[in-house]
Protein backbone atom coordinates (compact mmCIF):
# COMPACT_ATOMS: atom_id res chain seq x y z
CA MET A 1 14.74 -63.38 -51.42
CA SER A 2 18.09 -61.70 -52.52
CA ARG A 3 20.12 -59.82 -49.74
CA ALA A 4 19.33 -56.56 -51.45
CA LEU A 5 15.54 -57.01 -51.25
CA THR A 6 16.43 -58.49 -47.40
CA GLY A 7 18.55 -55.74 -46.59
CA ALA A 8 16.18 -52.94 -47.85
CA LEU A 9 12.93 -54.70 -45.87
CA ILE A 10 14.96 -54.60 -42.86
CA GLY A 11 16.08 -50.51 -42.57
CA LEU A 12 12.00 -50.35 -44.08
CA ILE A 13 11.07 -52.22 -40.49
CA SER A 14 14.06 -50.17 -38.65
CA GLY A 15 12.80 -46.93 -39.81
CA VAL A 16 9.06 -47.41 -39.27
CA VAL A 17 9.91 -48.52 -35.34
CA LEU A 18 12.17 -45.52 -35.00
CA ALA A 19 9.52 -43.54 -36.05
CA MET A 20 6.92 -44.54 -33.59
CA MET A 21 9.50 -45.04 -30.70
CA PHE A 22 10.38 -40.98 -31.59
CA PRO A 23 7.11 -39.29 -33.16
CA PRO A 24 8.07 -35.78 -34.73
CA ARG A 25 7.25 -33.97 -32.12
CA GLN A 26 9.64 -35.21 -29.86
CA ARG A 27 12.91 -33.79 -31.35
CA LEU A 28 16.15 -32.80 -29.35
CA ILE A 29 16.31 -29.43 -31.59
CA PRO A 30 13.77 -27.13 -32.95
CA PRO A 31 12.30 -28.83 -35.55
CA ALA A 32 12.81 -27.45 -39.51
CA GLY A 33 10.60 -24.12 -40.50
CA THR A 34 11.06 -22.70 -36.55
CA LEU A 35 13.61 -21.23 -35.16
CA SER A 36 16.30 -22.94 -37.97
CA GLN A 37 14.90 -20.11 -40.59
CA ALA A 38 16.55 -17.14 -38.28
CA PRO A 39 20.43 -17.28 -39.09
CA ALA A 40 19.84 -17.29 -42.96
CA VAL A 41 18.44 -13.73 -43.08
CA ILE A 42 21.97 -12.14 -41.39
CA GLY A 43 23.55 -14.38 -43.38
CA MET A 44 25.53 -15.96 -40.41
CA PRO A 45 25.62 -18.61 -38.39
CA ALA A 46 23.80 -17.85 -35.17
CA PRO A 47 24.36 -20.42 -32.41
CA ILE A 48 22.16 -21.37 -29.76
CA LEU A 49 24.16 -20.10 -26.41
CA GLY A 50 21.64 -22.10 -24.37
CA SER A 51 18.24 -22.59 -23.13
CA VAL A 52 17.10 -21.78 -19.47
CA PRO A 53 13.72 -22.59 -17.55
CA MET A 54 10.31 -21.54 -16.89
CA LEU A 55 10.24 -19.37 -13.96
CA PRO A 56 7.20 -18.76 -11.54
CA GLN A 57 5.59 -15.63 -12.05
CA THR A 58 4.60 -15.16 -8.30
CA ALA A 59 3.35 -11.46 -8.04
CA LEU A 60 4.67 -9.30 -5.14
CA SER A 61 2.09 -8.43 -2.38
CA GLU A 62 -0.34 -5.88 -2.98
CA SER A 63 0.93 -4.47 0.29
CA GLU A 64 4.43 -3.56 -0.52
CA PRO A 65 5.40 -0.06 -0.75
CA ASP A 66 6.25 1.02 -4.60
CA ILE A 67 9.71 2.04 -4.33
CA SER A 68 10.19 2.67 -7.83
CA GLN A 69 10.08 6.87 -7.78
CA GLN A 70 12.49 6.96 -4.79
CA PRO A 71 15.51 8.28 -4.82
CA VAL A 72 18.99 6.27 -4.41
CA GLY A 73 19.72 5.79 -1.44
CA ALA A 74 16.29 6.35 0.33
CA LEU A 75 15.13 2.58 1.33
CA GLU A 76 16.64 -0.14 1.81
CA TYR A 77 16.09 -3.40 -0.55
CA SER A 78 12.81 -4.63 -1.14
CA PRO A 79 12.53 -8.42 -1.86
CA VAL A 80 14.03 -9.43 -5.33
CA ALA A 81 11.34 -10.55 -6.97
CA PRO A 82 10.46 -14.43 -7.38
CA THR A 83 11.94 -15.13 -11.05
CA LEU A 84 15.61 -14.26 -9.25
CA CYS A 85 16.52 -17.98 -8.88
CA THR A 86 19.92 -17.04 -9.17
CA VAL A 87 19.37 -15.29 -5.62
CA SER A 88 16.57 -17.05 -3.70
CA ALA A 89 17.51 -20.62 -4.98
CA PRO A 90 21.07 -20.23 -6.23
CA TYR A 91 21.87 -24.01 -5.86
CA GLY A 92 18.31 -24.91 -7.54
CA ARG A 93 17.37 -26.57 -10.80
CA GLU A 94 16.44 -23.37 -12.57
CA ALA A 95 19.78 -21.70 -11.33
CA GLU A 96 21.67 -23.91 -12.57
CA GLY A 97 20.43 -23.48 -16.47
CA PHE A 98 21.53 -19.85 -15.78
CA ASN A 99 25.04 -21.20 -14.86
CA ALA A 100 25.04 -23.22 -17.65
CA LEU A 101 24.28 -20.17 -19.77
CA ARG A 102 27.01 -17.86 -18.00
CA ALA A 103 29.69 -20.66 -18.58
CA THR A 104 28.82 -20.88 -22.53
CA LEU A 105 28.78 -17.07 -23.16
CA LEU A 106 31.63 -15.94 -20.59
CA ASN A 107 34.23 -18.88 -22.11
CA GLY A 108 33.54 -17.62 -25.69
CA GLN A 109 33.56 -13.39 -25.11
CA ALA A 110 36.49 -13.92 -22.70
CA ALA A 111 38.33 -15.43 -25.69
CA ALA A 112 37.02 -12.74 -28.32
CA GLY A 113 37.76 -9.47 -25.85
CA HIS A 114 33.96 -8.48 -25.66
CA ARG A 115 33.39 -7.21 -22.27
CA ILE A 116 30.00 -5.35 -23.06
CA ILE A 117 27.21 -7.81 -24.18
CA GLN A 118 23.94 -6.52 -24.54
CA PHE A 119 20.13 -8.43 -24.71
CA THR A 120 17.62 -7.80 -26.99
CA SER A 121 14.24 -9.38 -28.41
CA ALA A 122 12.12 -9.02 -31.14
CA ALA A 123 9.23 -7.89 -29.16
CA PRO A 124 8.13 -7.65 -25.47
CA GLY A 125 7.00 -10.48 -23.46
CA VAL A 126 9.55 -13.15 -23.58
CA GLY A 127 11.51 -12.63 -20.32
CA LYS A 128 14.33 -10.78 -21.90
CA SER A 129 14.91 -8.62 -18.53
CA THR A 130 14.89 -12.13 -16.04
CA VAL A 131 17.39 -13.76 -18.07
CA VAL A 132 20.10 -10.92 -18.02
CA ALA A 133 19.21 -10.34 -14.64
CA ASN A 134 20.11 -13.75 -13.62
CA LEU A 135 22.80 -14.08 -16.04
CA ALA A 136 24.63 -11.17 -13.92
CA VAL A 137 23.94 -12.39 -10.74
CA SER A 138 25.34 -15.84 -11.62
CA ALA A 139 28.40 -13.99 -13.48
CA ALA A 140 29.08 -11.70 -10.07
CA ARG A 141 28.68 -15.29 -7.51
CA SER A 142 31.31 -17.02 -10.24
CA GLY A 143 33.61 -14.28 -9.07
CA LYS A 144 33.58 -11.74 -11.66
CA LYS A 145 33.20 -8.21 -11.62
CA VAL A 146 29.68 -7.35 -13.33
CA LEU A 147 27.98 -4.11 -13.63
CA LEU A 148 24.13 -4.80 -15.09
CA VAL A 149 22.42 -1.75 -17.20
CA ASP A 150 19.24 -1.20 -17.70
CA ALA A 151 19.13 0.74 -21.16
CA ASN A 152 15.09 0.65 -21.30
CA LEU A 153 14.36 3.69 -20.82
CA ARG A 154 10.72 3.78 -21.72
CA HIS A 155 9.83 0.15 -20.27
CA PRO A 156 12.29 -0.45 -17.38
CA LYS A 157 12.40 -3.38 -15.19
CA LEU A 158 15.16 -4.33 -13.86
CA HIS A 159 14.39 -1.88 -10.42
CA ALA A 160 11.71 -4.41 -9.85
CA LEU A 161 13.32 -7.36 -10.40
CA PHE A 162 15.81 -6.44 -7.71
CA GLY A 163 13.55 -4.36 -5.41
CA LEU A 164 15.88 -1.05 -5.65
CA PRO A 165 14.87 2.69 -6.34
CA GLY A 166 14.25 3.52 -9.77
CA SER A 167 13.96 6.96 -10.37
CA HIS A 168 17.82 8.08 -10.34
CA GLY A 169 19.36 5.62 -12.81
CA LEU A 170 20.82 5.74 -16.20
CA GLY A 171 18.75 8.67 -18.29
CA TRP A 172 19.85 10.87 -15.29
CA LEU A 173 23.54 10.08 -16.07
CA LEU A 174 23.39 10.57 -19.98
CA GLU A 175 22.23 13.82 -19.51
CA GLN A 176 24.76 14.63 -17.34
CA ILE A 177 27.56 13.72 -19.51
CA SER A 178 29.63 16.11 -21.73
CA LEU A 179 32.20 15.47 -24.31
CA PRO A 180 34.52 13.86 -25.41
CA ASP A 181 35.27 12.67 -22.01
CA LEU A 182 34.26 12.46 -18.53
CA ASP A 183 35.44 14.98 -15.87
CA GLU A 184 35.77 14.18 -12.04
CA ASP A 185 32.73 15.30 -11.26
CA GLN A 186 30.94 13.35 -13.92
CA VAL A 187 32.99 10.13 -12.53
CA ASN A 188 31.62 11.19 -9.01
CA ARG A 189 28.09 11.16 -10.66
CA MET A 190 28.29 8.01 -12.13
CA ASP A 191 29.45 6.33 -9.11
CA GLU A 192 26.29 7.99 -7.83
CA VAL A 193 23.97 5.94 -9.49
CA MET A 194 25.31 2.90 -9.52
CA GLN A 195 23.65 0.70 -6.54
CA PRO A 196 25.22 -2.72 -4.91
CA GLY A 197 23.50 -5.88 -6.16
CA PRO A 198 21.99 -8.50 -4.06
CA VAL A 199 25.71 -10.81 -4.40
CA PRO A 200 29.33 -9.65 -3.69
CA ASP A 201 30.95 -8.09 -7.48
CA LEU A 202 27.62 -7.06 -8.77
CA SER A 203 26.63 -3.28 -9.52
CA ILE A 204 23.44 -1.98 -11.43
CA ILE A 205 22.66 1.24 -12.95
CA VAL A 206 18.88 1.28 -13.25
CA ALA A 207 16.87 2.98 -16.37
CA GLY A 208 16.13 5.83 -14.21
CA GLU A 209 13.96 8.85 -15.24
CA THR A 210 14.84 11.37 -17.95
CA ARG A 211 13.49 14.71 -19.36
CA GLU A 212 15.49 14.33 -23.12
CA SER A 213 14.12 11.31 -25.87
CA PRO A 214 15.53 8.31 -25.20
CA SER A 215 16.16 7.78 -28.55
CA GLU A 216 18.22 10.80 -28.79
CA LEU A 217 20.11 9.88 -25.50
CA LEU A 218 20.76 6.29 -26.46
CA ALA A 219 21.94 7.25 -30.19
CA GLY A 220 24.31 10.26 -29.19
CA GLU A 221 28.22 9.26 -28.42
CA ARG A 222 26.89 9.97 -24.61
CA VAL A 223 26.37 6.05 -24.39
CA GLU A 224 30.49 5.59 -26.06
CA THR A 225 31.85 7.65 -23.61
CA LEU A 226 29.95 6.07 -20.73
CA PHE A 227 30.56 2.61 -21.92
CA ALA A 228 34.55 3.73 -22.48
CA ALA A 229 34.52 5.03 -18.94
CA VAL A 230 32.91 1.81 -17.40
CA ARG A 231 35.06 -1.00 -19.42
CA ASP A 232 37.95 -0.94 -17.53
CA LYS A 233 36.56 -1.30 -14.49
CA PHE A 234 34.47 -4.53 -14.65
CA ASP A 235 34.98 -7.97 -15.92
CA LEU A 236 31.61 -8.04 -17.71
CA ILE A 237 29.25 -5.29 -18.67
CA LEU A 238 25.55 -6.61 -19.47
CA VAL A 239 23.42 -4.20 -21.20
CA ASP A 240 19.40 -4.87 -20.78
CA SER A 241 18.13 -3.52 -24.09
CA PRO A 242 14.56 -2.35 -25.64
CA PRO A 243 12.81 -5.22 -27.82
CA VAL A 244 14.26 -4.68 -31.24
CA LEU A 245 10.85 -4.44 -32.93
CA ALA A 246 9.23 -1.70 -30.74
CA VAL A 247 11.35 1.10 -30.88
CA ARG A 248 15.31 1.91 -32.66
CA ASP A 249 16.87 2.24 -29.06
CA SER A 250 18.08 -1.39 -29.53
CA LEU A 251 20.10 -0.60 -32.91
CA ASP A 252 21.85 2.05 -31.65
CA LEU A 253 22.52 0.41 -28.94
CA ALA A 254 24.16 -2.75 -30.90
CA LYS A 255 26.70 0.07 -32.36
CA ARG A 256 28.49 0.22 -29.14
CA SER A 257 28.19 -2.91 -27.25
CA ASP A 258 31.13 -5.66 -28.43
CA ALA A 259 28.10 -8.52 -28.79
CA LEU A 260 24.43 -9.14 -28.98
CA ALA A 261 22.80 -11.99 -27.42
CA VAL A 262 18.67 -12.22 -28.45
CA VAL A 263 16.35 -13.60 -26.55
CA VAL A 264 13.71 -15.44 -27.97
CA LYS A 265 10.64 -18.06 -26.14
CA SER A 266 10.56 -21.47 -26.74
CA ALA A 267 7.53 -21.86 -29.52
CA PRO A 268 7.08 -21.16 -32.82
CA ASP A 269 5.20 -18.61 -32.77
CA ASP A 270 8.13 -16.24 -31.98
CA VAL A 271 10.14 -16.82 -35.11
CA GLU A 272 8.60 -14.77 -38.01
CA GLN A 273 9.13 -11.86 -35.22
CA ALA A 274 12.61 -13.06 -34.31
CA THR A 275 13.50 -13.35 -37.96
CA HIS A 276 12.60 -10.07 -38.77
CA ALA A 277 14.38 -8.49 -35.58
CA THR A 278 17.69 -10.18 -36.59
CA ASN A 279 17.24 -8.56 -40.40
CA LEU A 280 17.27 -5.25 -38.76
CA LEU A 281 19.95 -6.08 -36.04
CA ALA A 282 21.61 -6.74 -39.59
CA THR A 283 21.45 -3.32 -41.09
CA VAL A 284 23.80 -1.48 -38.51
CA ASN A 285 26.14 -4.86 -38.42
CA ALA A 286 25.56 -5.63 -35.37
CA ASN A 287 27.90 -8.81 -33.62
CA VAL A 288 24.63 -11.36 -33.19
CA ILE A 289 26.44 -13.75 -30.94
CA GLY A 290 23.53 -15.91 -30.85
CA VAL A 291 20.37 -16.74 -29.58
CA VAL A 292 18.97 -17.80 -25.98
CA ILE A 293 15.72 -19.52 -25.85
CA ASN A 294 13.61 -18.71 -22.72
CA ALA A 295 11.25 -20.37 -20.64
CA VAL A 296 11.84 -24.42 -21.63
CA ASP A 297 9.37 -26.35 -19.73
CA ALA A 298 12.08 -28.40 -17.53
CA SER A 299 9.69 -30.69 -16.45
CA ALA A 300 8.53 -31.98 -19.43
CA PRO A 301 9.62 -35.19 -20.41
CA TYR A 302 12.43 -35.84 -22.57
CA GLY A 303 12.27 -35.65 -25.78
CA SER A 304 8.66 -33.20 -25.87
CA GLY A 305 9.08 -29.97 -26.23
CA TYR A 306 12.44 -28.23 -27.23
CA ARG A 307 15.89 -29.38 -25.83
CA VAL A 308 18.67 -27.25 -27.04
CA TYR A 309 22.47 -27.95 -26.36
CA PRO A 310 24.37 -24.96 -25.79
CA ALA A 311 26.89 -23.99 -28.49
CA HIS A 312 29.88 -25.96 -27.50
CA TYR A 313 28.53 -28.90 -28.65
CA GLY A 314 27.82 -27.38 -32.27
CA LEU A 315 24.41 -27.27 -32.39
CA HIS A 316 23.46 -24.09 -34.30
CA ILE A 317 20.27 -22.02 -35.46
CA GLY A 318 20.00 -23.26 -39.26
CA SER A 319 21.85 -26.61 -38.98
CA GLY A 320 19.24 -28.79 -38.33
CA ARG A 321 21.70 -31.39 -36.35
CA ALA A 322 23.43 -31.65 -32.72
CA ASP A 323 26.72 -32.35 -34.13
CA GLN A 324 28.87 -33.09 -30.62
CA ALA A 325 32.24 -30.51 -31.04
CA GLU A 326 36.00 -32.49 -30.42
């Protein structure tokens, strides 16, 4: 038997053995035809910024008071939601996932001079608000001065997650702003709506109520005026915005944010919507810096489901490979 034939047989047998050891489902990155299709529609690589674990969804007790419509300062803190693992268990396994995401995000965006980072999703129900809330806490714990803004004026979540009064917030503040600059009275009103978070160096502006159309408030120049006023007061400003496919609000906000990240769940079913969302974001020249994969099952055996390397390891949506960076 010739050496060429012998080599071919050895290669074939090795391939069969490896295929048996690692069936198609056990890939270390999203398989072809899922998230790998997303960047092509925006004409640019979209790095996977990181993955964060599935969190408990324990509901608050029905006996707890509804504080969502109380004025600012009327009540003390209510318990934070159990999904805020960076508050309740900051050294736990789940919180470490957000700490890793924070390190990747801050290192890259600080170098680019990005301070206002918007988070969105394709559709509701992917856990976007929980992701940005935990990320804000993690960043504040690392020593950054952080402002977290709930810009989802239609279906706000952050006040409930942090147990804060929710009637007095961004909507009211935007209604008070006159262009082009804030006067002293308006600056004082801005300070009024900033509520302290559960950890030092974290301030929160909840969405609050508004008498005007959310679309008109978020599409106008008042958001830009507000961002200009707070930019130099914080190291990092994280903005929770509505799903892209639900309303246009996130597209308007993207024009005024330094960068934007898209939150998706680790399920192939979300890919078509994510692709459509990135198409829409491209129409406003949004600076999409990457994707955060949420609700990864951290308890799954190694190799089952999606396990995602952060961007500094060189894995990009659309690359189909994990190349370790030098």
